């Protein structure tokens, strides 16, 4: 039975180490700046890796008071583009921790 305890402690140590790395990765994601665009760059939205919208940039020439709908669609599209990229970044960043580990309920 003695060998089993050492293994368990070792596993706990590994888990703790991994948790620290995951926290660090999460924090780093918050520092990331991800750009989404629409209308060929007419509208640009910058989000953080934590999916906070940080900036919305709209080129003057796309602003048409008679076509607010199009502008709203472009802002939506650019925002969704940025959020999708943020998701992909999160998945690839955090995915390295779950690869090869079958931990149900982690994410």
PDB file of N, CA and C in Angstrom:
ATOM      1  N   UNK A   1       0.826  -1.212   0.000  1.00  0.00           N
ATOM      2  CA  UNK A   1       0.000   0.000   0.000  1.00  0.00           C
ATOM      3  C   UNK A   1       0.864   1.268   0.000  1.00  0.00           C
ATOM      4  N   UNK A   2       2.117   1.168   0.521  1.00  0.00           N
ATOM      5  CA  UNK A   2       2.895   2.395   0.687  1.00  0.00           C
ATOM      6  C   UNK A   2       3.159   3.146  -0.622  1.00  0.00           C
ATOM      7  N   UNK A   3       3.444   2.382  -1.679  1.00  0.00           N
ATOM      8  CA  UNK A   3       3.728   3.016  -2.963  1.00  0.00           C
ATOM      9  C   UNK A   3       2.571   3.875  -3.463  1.00  0.00           C
ATOM     10  N   UNK A   4       1.372   3.458  -3.147  1.00  0.00           N
ATOM     11  CA  UNK A   4       0.178   4.160  -3.634  1.00  0.00           C
ATOM     12  C   UNK A   4       0.091   5.587  -3.149  1.00  0.00           C
ATOM     13  N   UNK A   5       0.439   5.834  -1.870  1.00  0.00           N
ATOM     14  CA  UNK A   5       0.331   7.180  -1.304  1.00  0.00           C
ATOM     15  C   UNK A   5       1.266   8.157  -2.008  1.00  0.00           C
ATOM     16  N   UNK A   6       2.514   7.744  -2.238  1.00  0.00           N
ATOM     17  CA  UNK A   6       3.470   8.612  -2.905  1.00  0.00           C
ATOM     18  C   UNK A   6       2.968   9.017  -4.282  1.00  0.00           C
ATOM     19  N   UNK A   7       2.386   8.062  -4.968  1.00  0.00           N
ATOM     20  CA  UNK A   7       1.816   8.325  -6.281  1.00  0.00           C
ATOM     21  C   UNK A   7       0.722   9.373  -6.206  1.00  0.00           C
ATOM     22  N   UNK A   8      -0.114   9.215  -5.198  1.00  0.00           N
ATOM     23  CA  UNK A   8      -1.242  10.121  -5.022  1.00  0.00           C
ATOM     24  C   UNK A   8      -0.724  11.542  -4.785  1.00  0.00           C
ATOM     25  N   UNK A   9       0.279  11.672  -3.910  1.00  0.00           N
ATOM     26  CA  UNK A   9       0.847  12.983  -3.614  1.00  0.00           C
ATOM     27  C   UNK A   9       1.477  13.589  -4.859  1.00  0.00           C
ATOM     28  N   UNK A  10       2.149  12.748  -5.592  1.00  0.00           N
ATOM     29  CA  UNK A  10       2.780  13.190  -6.821  1.00  0.00           C
ATOM     30  C   UNK A  10       1.734  13.724  -7.791  1.00  0.00           C
ATOM     31  N   UNK A  11       0.643  12.993  -7.888  1.00  0.00           N
ATOM     32  CA  UNK A  11      -0.432  13.406  -8.780  1.00  0.00           C
ATOM     33  C   UNK A  11      -1.016  14.734  -8.333  1.00  0.00           C
ATOM     34  N   UNK A  12      -1.197  14.905  -7.026  1.00  0.00           N
ATOM     35  CA  UNK A  12      -1.727  16.155  -6.491  1.00  0.00           C
ATOM     36  C   UNK A  12      -0.784  17.311  -6.827  1.00  0.00           C
ATOM     37  N   UNK A  13       0.512  17.068  -6.681  1.00  0.00           N
ATOM     38  CA  UNK A  13       1.503  18.091  -7.006  1.00  0.00           C
ATOM     39  C   UNK A  13       1.384  18.494  -8.473  1.00  0.00           C
ATOM     40  N   UNK A  14       1.272  17.482  -9.329  1.00  0.00           N
ATOM     41  CA  UNK A  14       1.138  17.741 -10.762  1.00  0.00           C
ATOM     42  C   UNK A  14      -0.106  18.575 -11.044  1.00  0.00           C
ATOM     43  N   UNK A  15      -1.199  18.206 -10.381  1.00  0.00           N
ATOM     44  CA  UNK A  15      -2.466  18.919 -10.570  1.00  0.00           C
ATOM     45  C   UNK A  15      -2.333  20.373 -10.142  1.00  0.00           C
ATOM     46  N   UNK A  16      -1.687  20.595  -9.002  1.00  0.00           N
ATOM     47  CA  UNK A  16      -1.509  21.955  -8.500  1.00  0.00           C
ATOM     48  C   UNK A  16      -0.662  22.776  -9.467  1.00  0.00           C
ATOM     49  N   UNK A  17       0.389  22.144  -9.955  1.00  0.00           N
ATOM     50  CA  UNK A  17       1.267  22.816 -10.908  1.00  0.00           C
ATOM     51  C   UNK A  17       0.468  23.200 -12.154  1.00  0.00           C
ATOM     52  N   UNK A  18      -0.341  22.253 -12.600  1.00  0.00           N
ATOM     53  CA  UNK A  18      -1.128  22.509 -13.795  1.00  0.00           C
ATOM     54  C   UNK A  18      -2.141  23.623 -13.566  1.00  0.00           C
ATOM     55  N   UNK A  19      -2.724  23.638 -12.366  1.00  0.00           N
ATOM     56  CA  UNK A  19      -3.695  24.675 -12.046  1.00  0.00           C
ATOM     57  C   UNK A  19      -3.051  26.054 -12.107  1.00  0.00           C
ATOM     58  N   UNK A  20      -1.847  26.151 -11.582  1.00  0.00           N
ATOM     59  CA  UNK A  20      -1.110  27.416 -11.631  1.00  0.00           C
ATOM     60  C   UNK A  20      -0.881  27.842 -13.081  1.00  0.00           C
ATOM     61  N   UNK A  21      -0.472  26.878 -13.894  1.00  0.00           N
ATOM     62  CA  UNK A  21      -0.217  27.178 -15.307  1.00  0.00           C
ATOM     63  C   UNK A  21      -1.500  27.613 -16.008  1.00  0.00           C
ATOM     64  N   UNK A  22      -2.603  26.970 -15.639  1.00  0.00           N
ATOM     65  CA  UNK A  22      -3.884  27.313 -16.248  1.00  0.00           C
ATOM     66  C   UNK A  22      -4.298  28.722 -15.858  1.00  0.00           C
ATOM     67  N   UNK A  23      -4.093  29.066 -14.579  1.00  0.00           N
ATOM     68  CA  UNK A  23      -4.428  30.413 -14.122  1.00  0.00           C
ATOM     69  C   UNK A  23      -3.609  31.445 -14.881  1.00  0.00           C
ATOM     70  N   UNK A  24      -2.332  31.137 -15.021  1.00  0.00           N
ATOM     71  CA  UNK A  24      -1.437  32.046 -15.751  1.00  0.00           C
ATOM     72  C   UNK A  24      -1.915  32.202 -17.198  1.00  0.00           C
ATOM     73  N   UNK A  25      -2.274  31.098 -17.811  1.00  0.00           N
ATOM     74  CA  UNK A  25      -2.743  31.132 -19.197  1.00  0.00           C
ATOM     75  C   UNK A  25      -4.021  31.964 -19.303  1.00  0.00           C
ATOM     76  N   UNK A  26      -4.909  31.815 -18.310  1.00  0.00           N
ATOM     77  CA  UNK A  26      -6.141  32.596 -18.281  1.00  0.00           C
ATOM     78  C   UNK A  26      -5.825  34.085 -18.193  1.00  0.00           C
ATOM     79  N   UNK A  27      -4.890  34.440 -17.310  1.00  0.00           N
ATOM     80  CA  UNK A  27      -4.509  35.841 -17.155  1.00  0.00           C
ATOM     81  C   UNK A  27      -3.914  36.375 -18.453  1.00  0.00           C
ATOM     82  N   UNK A  28      -3.048  35.564 -19.064  1.00  0.00           N
ATOM     83  CA  UNK A  28      -2.429  35.981 -20.322  1.00  0.00           C
ATOM     84  C   UNK A  28      -3.482  36.218 -21.399  1.00  0.00           C
ATOM     85  N   UNK A  29      -4.511  35.395 -21.391  1.00  0.00           N
ATOM     86  CA  UNK A  29      -5.588  35.573 -22.364  1.00  0.00           C
ATOM     87  C   UNK A  29      -6.221  36.953 -22.205  1.00  0.00           C
ATOM     88  N   UNK A  30      -6.328  37.409 -20.970  1.00  0.00           N
ATOM     89  CA  UNK A  30      -6.909  38.723 -20.707  1.00  0.00           C
ATOM     90  C   UNK A  30      -6.098  39.845 -21.319  1.00  0.00           C
ATOM     91  N   UNK A  31      -4.796  39.583 -21.497  1.00  0.00           N
ATOM     92  CA  UNK A  31      -3.901  40.592 -22.076  1.00  0.00           C
ATOM     93  C   UNK A  31      -3.960  40.591 -23.604  1.00  0.00           C
ATOM     94  N   UNK A  32      -4.469  39.496 -24.166  1.00  0.00           N
ATOM     95  CA  UNK A  32      -4.501  39.389 -25.634  1.00  0.00           C
ATOM     96  C   UNK A  32      -5.444  40.423 -26.238  1.00  0.00           C
ATOM     97  N   UNK A  33      -5.095  40.886 -27.419  1.00  0.00           N
ATOM     98  CA  UNK A  33      -5.956  41.797 -28.174  1.00  0.00           C
ATOM     99  C   UNK A  33      -6.303  41.109 -29.486  1.00  0.00           C
ATOM    100  N   UNK A  34      -7.583  40.869 -29.718  1.00  0.00           N
ATOM    101  CA  UNK A  34      -8.013  40.138 -30.891  1.00  0.00           C
ATOM    102  C   UNK A  34      -8.891  41.045 -31.734  1.00  0.00           C
ATOM    103  N   UNK A  35      -8.586  41.085 -33.013  1.00  0.00           N
ATOM    104  CA  UNK A  35      -9.285  42.014 -33.894  1.00  0.00           C
ATOM    105  C   UNK A  35     -10.277  41.286 -34.778  1.00  0.00           C
ATOM    106  N   UNK A  36     -11.491  41.799 -34.822  1.00  0.00           N
ATOM    107  CA  UNK A  36     -12.488  41.305 -35.759  1.00  0.00           C
ATOM    108  C   UNK A  36     -12.816  42.434 -36.717  1.00  0.00           C
ATOM    109  N   UNK A  37     -13.065  42.081 -37.979  1.00  0.00           N
ATOM    110  CA  UNK A  37     -13.374  43.127 -38.948  1.00  0.00           C
ATOM    111  C   UNK A  37     -14.590  42.744 -39.764  1.00  0.00           C
ATOM    112  N   UNK A  38     -15.192  43.762 -40.381  1.00  0.00           N
ATOM    113  CA  UNK A  38     -16.304  43.540 -41.298  1.00  0.00           C
ATOM    114  C   UNK A  38     -16.250  44.633 -42.360  1.00  0.00           C
ATOM    115  N   UNK A  39     -16.907  44.358 -43.483  1.00  0.00           N
ATOM    116  CA  UNK A  39     -16.950  45.345 -44.554  1.00  0.00           C
ATOM    117  C   UNK A  39     -15.568  45.672 -45.074  1.00  0.00           C
ATOM    118  N   UNK A  40     -14.718  44.649 -45.162  1.00  0.00           N
ATOM    119  CA  UNK A  40     -13.375  44.863 -45.684  1.00  0.00           C
ATOM    120  C   UNK A  40     -12.568  45.819 -44.828  1.00  0.00           C
ATOM    121  N   UNK A  41     -12.758  45.755 -43.522  1.00  0.00           N
ATOM    122  CA  UNK A  41     -11.977  46.596 -42.618  1.00  0.00           C
ATOM    123  C   UNK A  41     -12.619  47.945 -42.329  1.00  0.00           C
ATOM    124  N   UNK A  42     -13.823  48.164 -42.853  1.00  0.00           N
ATOM    125  CA  UNK A  42     -14.541  49.414 -42.579  1.00  0.00           C
ATOM    126  C   UNK A  42     -14.897  49.526 -41.097  1.00  0.00           C
ATOM    127  N   UNK A  43     -15.204  48.361 -40.511  1.00  0.00           N
ATOM    128  CA  UNK A  43     -15.496  48.321 -39.077  1.00  0.00           C
ATOM    129  C   UNK A  43     -14.539  47.329 -38.430  1.00  0.00           C
ATOM    130  N   UNK A  44     -13.886  47.778 -37.359  1.00  0.00           N
ATOM    131  CA  UNK A  44     -12.952  46.937 -36.626  1.00  0.00           C
ATOM    132  C   UNK A  44     -13.360  46.908 -35.166  1.00  0.00           C
ATOM    133  N   UNK A  45     -13.376  45.720 -34.602  1.00  0.00           N
ATOM    134  CA  UNK A  45     -13.688  45.573 -33.184  1.00  0.00           C
ATOM    135  C   UNK A  45     -12.528  44.833 -32.524  1.00  0.00           C
ATOM    136  N   UNK A  46     -12.041  45.383 -31.421  1.00  0.00           N
ATOM    137  CA  UNK A  46     -10.957  44.742 -30.670  1.00  0.00           C
ATOM    138  C   UNK A  46     -11.543  44.187 -29.376  1.00  0.00           C
ATOM    139  N   UNK A  47     -11.284  42.910 -29.123  1.00  0.00           N
ATOM    140  CA  UNK A  47     -11.717  42.304 -27.860  1.00  0.00           C
ATOM    141  C   UNK A  47     -10.500  41.724 -27.154  1.00  0.00           C
ATOM    142  N   UNK A  48     -10.646  41.531 -25.850  1.00  0.00           N
ATOM    143  CA  UNK A  48      -9.586  40.856 -25.099  1.00  0.00           C
ATOM    144  C   UNK A  48      -9.834  39.358 -25.171  1.00  0.00           C
ATOM    145  N   UNK A  49      -8.845  38.596 -24.721  1.00  0.00           N
ATOM    146  CA  UNK A  49      -9.011  37.150 -24.680  1.00  0.00           C
ATOM    147  C   UNK A  49     -10.096  36.730 -23.702  1.00  0.00           C
ATOM    148  N   UNK A  50     -10.518  37.659 -22.841  1.00  0.00           N
ATOM    149  CA  UNK A  50     -11.626  37.375 -21.925  1.00  0.00           C
ATOM    150  C   UNK A  50     -12.953  37.831 -22.505  1.00  0.00           C
ATOM    151  N   UNK A  51     -12.931  38.136 -23.790  1.00  0.00           N
ATOM    152  CA  UNK A  51     -14.144  38.497 -24.528  1.00  0.00           C
ATOM    153  C   UNK A  51     -14.766  39.803 -24.042  1.00  0.00           C
ATOM    154  N   UNK A  52     -13.935  40.735 -23.628  1.00  0.00           N
ATOM    155  CA  UNK A  52     -14.428  42.075 -23.362  1.00  0.00           C
ATOM    156  C   UNK A  52     -14.189  42.895 -24.617  1.00  0.00           C
ATOM    157  N   UNK A  53     -15.192  43.642 -25.038  1.00  0.00           N
ATOM    158  CA  UNK A  53     -15.012  44.512 -26.193  1.00  0.00           C
ATOM    159  C   UNK A  53     -14.256  45.747 -25.719  1.00  0.00           C
ATOM    160  N   UNK A  54     -13.091  45.994 -26.322  1.00  0.00           N
ATOM    161  CA  UNK A  54     -12.223  47.081 -25.886  1.00  0.00           C
ATOM    162  C   UNK A  54     -12.333  48.296 -26.794  1.00  0.00           C
ATOM    163  N   UNK A  55     -12.517  48.039 -28.076  1.00  0.00           N
ATOM    164  CA  UNK A  55     -12.550  49.142 -29.042  1.00  0.00           C
ATOM    165  C   UNK A  55     -13.498  48.812 -30.168  1.00  0.00           C
ATOM    166  N   UNK A  56     -14.177  49.850 -30.649  1.00  0.00           N
ATOM    167  CA  UNK A  56     -14.951  49.735 -31.878  1.00  0.00           C
ATOM    168  C   UNK A  56     -14.503  50.883 -32.773  1.00  0.00           C
ATOM    169  N   UNK A  57     -13.958  50.545 -33.918  1.00  0.00           N
ATOM    170  CA  UNK A  57     -13.509  51.581 -34.851  1.00  0.00           C
ATOM    171  C   UNK A  57     -14.332  51.514 -36.124  1.00  0.00           C
ATOM    172  N   UNK A  58     -14.880  52.674 -36.504  1.00  0.00           N
ATOM    173  CA  UNK A  58     -15.724  52.738 -37.697  1.00  0.00           C
ATOM    174  C   UNK A  58     -15.150  53.798 -38.631  1.00  0.00           C
ATOM    175  N   UNK A  59     -14.838  53.399 -39.856  1.00  0.00           N
ATOM    176  CA  UNK A  59     -14.321  54.349 -40.851  1.00  0.00           C
ATOM    177  C   UNK A  59     -15.437  55.314 -41.252  1.00  0.00           C
ATOM    178  N   UNK A  60     -15.059  56.565 -41.396  1.00  0.00           N
ATOM    179  CA  UNK A  60     -16.028  57.617 -41.697  1.00  0.00           C
ATOM    180  C   UNK A  60     -16.875  57.311 -42.918  1.00  0.00           C
ATOM    181  N   UNK A  61     -16.217  56.770 -43.964  1.00  0.00           N
ATOM    182  CA  UNK A  61     -16.926  56.610 -45.235  1.00  0.00           C
ATOM    183  C   UNK A  61     -18.032  55.563 -45.192  1.00  0.00           C
ATOM    184  N   UNK A  62     -18.071  54.760 -44.137  1.00  0.00           N
ATOM    185  CA  UNK A  62     -19.108  53.737 -44.044  1.00  0.00           C
ATOM    186  C   UNK A  62     -20.327  54.265 -43.287  1.00  0.00           C
ATOM    187  N   UNK A  63     -20.186  55.460 -42.712  1.00  0.00           N
ATOM    188  CA  UNK A  63     -21.288  56.039 -41.939  1.00  0.00           C
ATOM    189  C   UNK A  63     -22.258  56.741 -42.888  1.00  0.00           C
ATOM    190  N   UNK A  64     -23.420  56.117 -43.063  1.00  0.00           N
ATOM    191  CA  UNK A  64     -24.467  56.672 -43.921  1.00  0.00           C
ATOM    192  C   UNK A  64     -25.721  56.831 -43.083  1.00  0.00           C
ATOM    193  N   UNK A  65     -26.094  58.090 -42.778  1.00  0.00           N
ATOM    194  CA  UNK A  65     -27.274  58.312 -41.918  1.00  0.00           C
ATOM    195  C   UNK A  65     -28.535  57.662 -42.479  1.00  0.00           C
ATOM    196  N   UNK A  66     -28.557  57.435 -43.792  1.00  0.00           N
ATOM    197  CA  UNK A  66     -29.741  56.819 -44.394  1.00  0.00           C
ATOM    198  C   UNK A  66     -29.692  55.299 -44.327  1.00  0.00           C
ATOM    199  N   UNK A  67     -28.555  54.759 -43.927  1.00  0.00           N
ATOM    200  CA  UNK A  67     -28.440  53.299 -43.870  1.00  0.00           C
ATOM    201  C   UNK A  67     -27.796  52.867 -42.563  1.00  0.00           C
ATOM    202  N   UNK A  68     -28.465  53.184 -41.474  1.00  0.00           N
ATOM    203  CA  UNK A  68     -27.966  52.806 -40.157  1.00  0.00           C
ATOM    204  C   UNK A  68     -27.944  51.280 -40.020  1.00  0.00           C
ATOM    205  N   UNK A  69     -28.914  50.611 -40.648  1.00  0.00           N
ATOM    206  CA  UNK A  69     -29.006  49.149 -40.560  1.00  0.00           C
ATOM    207  C   UNK A  69     -27.713  48.482 -41.002  1.00  0.00           C
ATOM    208  N   UNK A  70     -27.171  48.957 -42.136  1.00  0.00           N
ATOM    209  CA  UNK A  70     -25.956  48.344 -42.653  1.00  0.00           C
ATOM    210  C   UNK A  70     -24.812  48.518 -41.649  1.00  0.00           C
ATOM    211  N   UNK A  71     -24.723  49.701 -41.082  1.00  0.00           N
ATOM    212  CA  UNK A  71     -23.669  49.985 -40.111  1.00  0.00           C
ATOM    213  C   UNK A  71     -23.803  49.064 -38.891  1.00  0.00           C
ATOM    214  N   UNK A  72     -25.028  48.909 -38.415  1.00  0.00           N
ATOM    215  CA  UNK A  72     -25.265  48.028 -37.269  1.00  0.00           C
ATOM    216  C   UNK A  72     -24.879  46.597 -37.601  1.00  0.00           C
ATOM    217  N   UNK A  73     -25.222  46.160 -38.814  1.00  0.00           N
ATOM    218  CA  UNK A  73     -24.859  44.808 -39.251  1.00  0.00           C
ATOM    219  C   UNK A  73     -23.345  44.633 -39.275  1.00  0.00           C
ATOM    220  N   UNK A  74     -22.632  45.664 -39.769  1.00  0.00           N
ATOM    221  CA  UNK A  74     -21.173  45.581 -39.839  1.00  0.00           C
ATOM    222  C   UNK A  74     -20.567  45.508 -38.447  1.00  0.00           C
ATOM    223  N   UNK A  75     -21.101  46.320 -37.525  1.00  0.00           N
ATOM    224  CA  UNK A  75     -20.583  46.301 -36.151  1.00  0.00           C
ATOM    225  C   UNK A  75     -20.829  44.931 -35.529  1.00  0.00           C
ATOM    226  N   UNK A  76     -22.024  44.406 -35.748  1.00  0.00           N
ATOM    227  CA  UNK A  76     -22.353  43.061 -35.252  1.00  0.00           C
ATOM    228  C   UNK A  76     -21.409  42.024 -35.832  1.00  0.00           C
ATOM    229  N   UNK A  77     -21.218  42.076 -37.137  1.00  0.00           N
ATOM    230  CA  UNK A  77     -20.379  41.086 -37.812  1.00  0.00           C
ATOM    231  C   UNK A  77     -18.943  41.174 -37.294  1.00  0.00           C
ATOM    232  N   UNK A  78     -18.421  42.388 -37.147  1.00  0.00           N
ATOM    233  CA  UNK A  78     -17.046  42.562 -36.678  1.00  0.00           C
ATOM    234  C   UNK A  78     -16.907  42.064 -35.241  1.00  0.00           C
ATOM    235  N   UNK A  79     -17.909  42.343 -34.422  1.00  0.00           N
ATOM    236  CA  UNK A  79     -17.885  41.894 -33.026  1.00  0.00           C
ATOM    237  C   UNK A  79     -17.901  40.375 -32.950  1.00  0.00           C
ATOM    238  N   UNK A  80     -18.791  39.766 -33.726  1.00  0.00           N
ATOM    239  CA  UNK A  80     -18.873  38.300 -33.722  1.00  0.00           C
ATOM    240  C   UNK A  80     -17.601  37.668 -34.256  1.00  0.00           C
ATOM    241  N   UNK A  81     -16.995  38.312 -35.255  1.00  0.00           N
ATOM    242  CA  UNK A  81     -15.732  37.834 -35.808  1.00  0.00           C
ATOM    243  C   UNK A  81     -14.662  37.834 -34.714  1.00  0.00           C
ATOM    244  N   UNK A  82     -14.585  38.940 -33.982  1.00  0.00           N
ATOM    245  CA  UNK A  82     -13.584  39.055 -32.914  1.00  0.00           C
ATOM    246  C   UNK A  82     -13.842  38.028 -31.813  1.00  0.00           C
ATOM    247  N   UNK A  83     -15.106  37.862 -31.434  1.00  0.00           N
ATOM    248  CA  UNK A  83     -15.440  36.922 -30.360  1.00  0.00           C
ATOM    249  C   UNK A  83     -15.144  35.484 -30.782  1.00  0.00           C
ATOM    250  N   UNK A  84     -15.407  35.179 -32.052  1.00  0.00           N
ATOM    251  CA  UNK A  84     -15.121  33.837 -32.556  1.00  0.00           C
ATOM    252  C   UNK A  84     -13.619  33.566 -32.481  1.00  0.00           C
ATOM    253  N   UNK A  85     -12.823  34.554 -32.880  1.00  0.00           N
ATOM    254  CA  UNK A  85     -11.370  34.400 -32.812  1.00  0.00           C
ATOM    255  C   UNK A  85     -10.910  34.275 -31.363  1.00  0.00           C
ATOM    256  N   UNK A  86     -11.553  35.010 -30.467  1.00  0.00           N
ATOM    257  CA  UNK A  86     -11.208  34.925 -29.044  1.00  0.00           C
ATOM    258  C   UNK A  86     -11.502  33.521 -28.518  1.00  0.00           C
ATOM    259  N   UNK A  87     -12.631  32.966 -28.954  1.00  0.00           N
ATOM    260  CA  UNK A  87     -12.987  31.593 -28.561  1.00  0.00           C
ATOM    261  C   UNK A  87     -11.945  30.597 -29.050  1.00  0.00           C
ATOM    262  N   UNK A  88     -11.542  30.760 -30.304  1.00  0.00           N
ATOM    263  CA  UNK A  88     -10.559  29.841 -30.877  1.00  0.00           C
ATOM    264  C   UNK A  88      -9.236  29.931 -30.121  1.00  0.00           C
ATOM    265  N   UNK A  89      -8.863  31.174 -29.781  1.00  0.00           N
ATOM    266  CA  UNK A  89      -7.620  31.367 -29.034  1.00  0.00           C
ATOM    267  C   UNK A  89      -7.727  30.706 -27.659  1.00  0.00           C
ATOM    268  N   UNK A  90      -8.857  30.918 -26.994  1.00  0.00           N
ATOM    269  CA  UNK A  90      -9.075  30.324 -25.677  1.00  0.00           C
ATOM    270  C   UNK A  90      -9.009  28.803 -25.766  1.00  0.00           C
ATOM    271  N   UNK A  91      -9.684  28.251 -26.767  1.00  0.00           N
ATOM    272  CA  UNK A  91      -9.701  26.793 -26.915  1.00  0.00           C
ATOM    273  C   UNK A  91      -8.315  26.241 -27.173  1.00  0.00           C
ATOM    274  N   UNK A  92      -7.532  26.927 -28.020  1.00  0.00           N
ATOM    275  CA  UNK A  92      -6.207  26.382 -28.301  1.00  0.00           C
ATOM    276  C   UNK A  92      -5.279  26.608 -27.108  1.00  0.00           C
ATOM    277  N   UNK A  93      -5.460  27.722 -26.396  1.00  0.00           N
ATOM    278  CA  UNK A  93      -4.615  27.990 -25.226  1.00  0.00           C
ATOM    279  C   UNK A  93      -4.939  27.035 -24.084  1.00  0.00           C
ATOM    280  N   UNK A  94      -6.220  26.914 -23.764  1.00  0.00           N
ATOM    281  CA  UNK A  94      -6.615  26.084 -22.635  1.00  0.00           C
ATOM    282  C   UNK A  94      -6.654  24.609 -23.020  1.00  0.00           C
ATOM    283  N   UNK A  95      -6.775  24.340 -24.316  1.00  0.00           N
ATOM    284  CA  UNK A  95      -6.857  22.965 -24.786  1.00  0.00           C
ATOM    285  C   UNK A  95      -5.617  22.154 -24.453  1.00  0.00           C
ATOM    286  N   UNK A  96      -4.463  22.840 -24.404  1.00  0.00           N
ATOM    287  CA  UNK A  96      -3.214  22.124 -24.108  1.00  0.00           C
ATOM    288  C   UNK A  96      -3.268  21.490 -22.718  1.00  0.00           C
ATOM    289  N   UNK A  97      -4.074  22.047 -21.819  1.00  0.00           N
ATOM    290  CA  UNK A  97      -4.148  21.508 -20.458  1.00  0.00           C
ATOM    291  C   UNK A  97      -5.066  20.304 -20.374  1.00  0.00           C
ATOM    292  N   UNK A  98      -6.056  20.247 -21.261  1.00  0.00           N
ATOM    293  CA  UNK A  98      -7.023  19.160 -21.166  1.00  0.00           C
ATOM    294  C   UNK A  98      -6.648  18.017 -22.094  1.00  0.00           C
ATOM    295  N   UNK A  99      -5.732  18.271 -23.036  1.00  0.00           N
ATOM    296  CA  UNK A  99      -5.292  17.199 -23.942  1.00  0.00           C
ATOM    297  C   UNK A  99      -4.706  16.062 -23.114  1.00  0.00           C
ATOM    298  N   UNK A 100      -5.093  14.857 -23.454  1.00  0.00           N
ATOM    299  CA  UNK A 100      -4.516  13.703 -22.793  1.00  0.00           C
ATOM    300  C   UNK A 100      -4.992  13.522 -21.364  1.00  0.00           C
ATOM    301  N   UNK A 101      -5.910  14.375 -20.946  1.00  0.00           N
ATOM    302  CA  UNK A 101      -6.472  14.225 -19.595  1.00  0.00           C
ATOM    303  C   UNK A 101      -7.949  14.092 -19.755  1.00  0.00           C
ATOM    304  N   UNK A 102      -8.503  13.094 -19.195  1.00  0.00           N
ATOM    305  CA  UNK A 102      -9.938  12.923 -19.309  1.00  0.00           C
ATOM    306  C   UNK A 102     -10.581  13.379 -18.008  1.00  0.00           C
ATOM    307  N   UNK A 103     -10.787  14.688 -17.904  1.00  0.00           N
ATOM    308  CA  UNK A 103     -11.386  15.221 -16.681  1.00  0.00           C
ATOM    309  C   UNK A 103     -12.762  15.770 -17.014  1.00  0.00           C
ATOM    310  N   UNK A 104     -13.785  15.007 -16.769  1.00  0.00           N
ATOM    311  CA  UNK A 104     -15.122  15.507 -17.057  1.00  0.00           C
ATOM    312  C   UNK A 104     -15.448  16.688 -16.144  1.00  0.00           C
ATOM    313  N   UNK A 105     -16.158  17.638 -16.677  1.00  0.00           N
ATOM    314  CA  UNK A 105     -16.602  18.762 -15.850  1.00  0.00           C
ATOM    315  C   UNK A 105     -15.556  19.851 -15.641  1.00  0.00           C
ATOM    316  N   UNK A 106     -14.388  19.722 -16.295  1.00  0.00           N
ATOM    317  CA  UNK A 106     -13.381  20.777 -16.130  1.00  0.00           C
ATOM    318  C   UNK A 106     -13.792  22.041 -16.881  1.00  0.00           C
ATOM    319  N   UNK A 107     -14.300  21.850 -18.114  1.00  0.00           N
ATOM    320  CA  UNK A 107     -14.716  23.006 -18.901  1.00  0.00           C
ATOM    321  C   UNK A 107     -16.111  22.799 -19.405  1.00  0.00           C
TER     322      UNK A 107
END
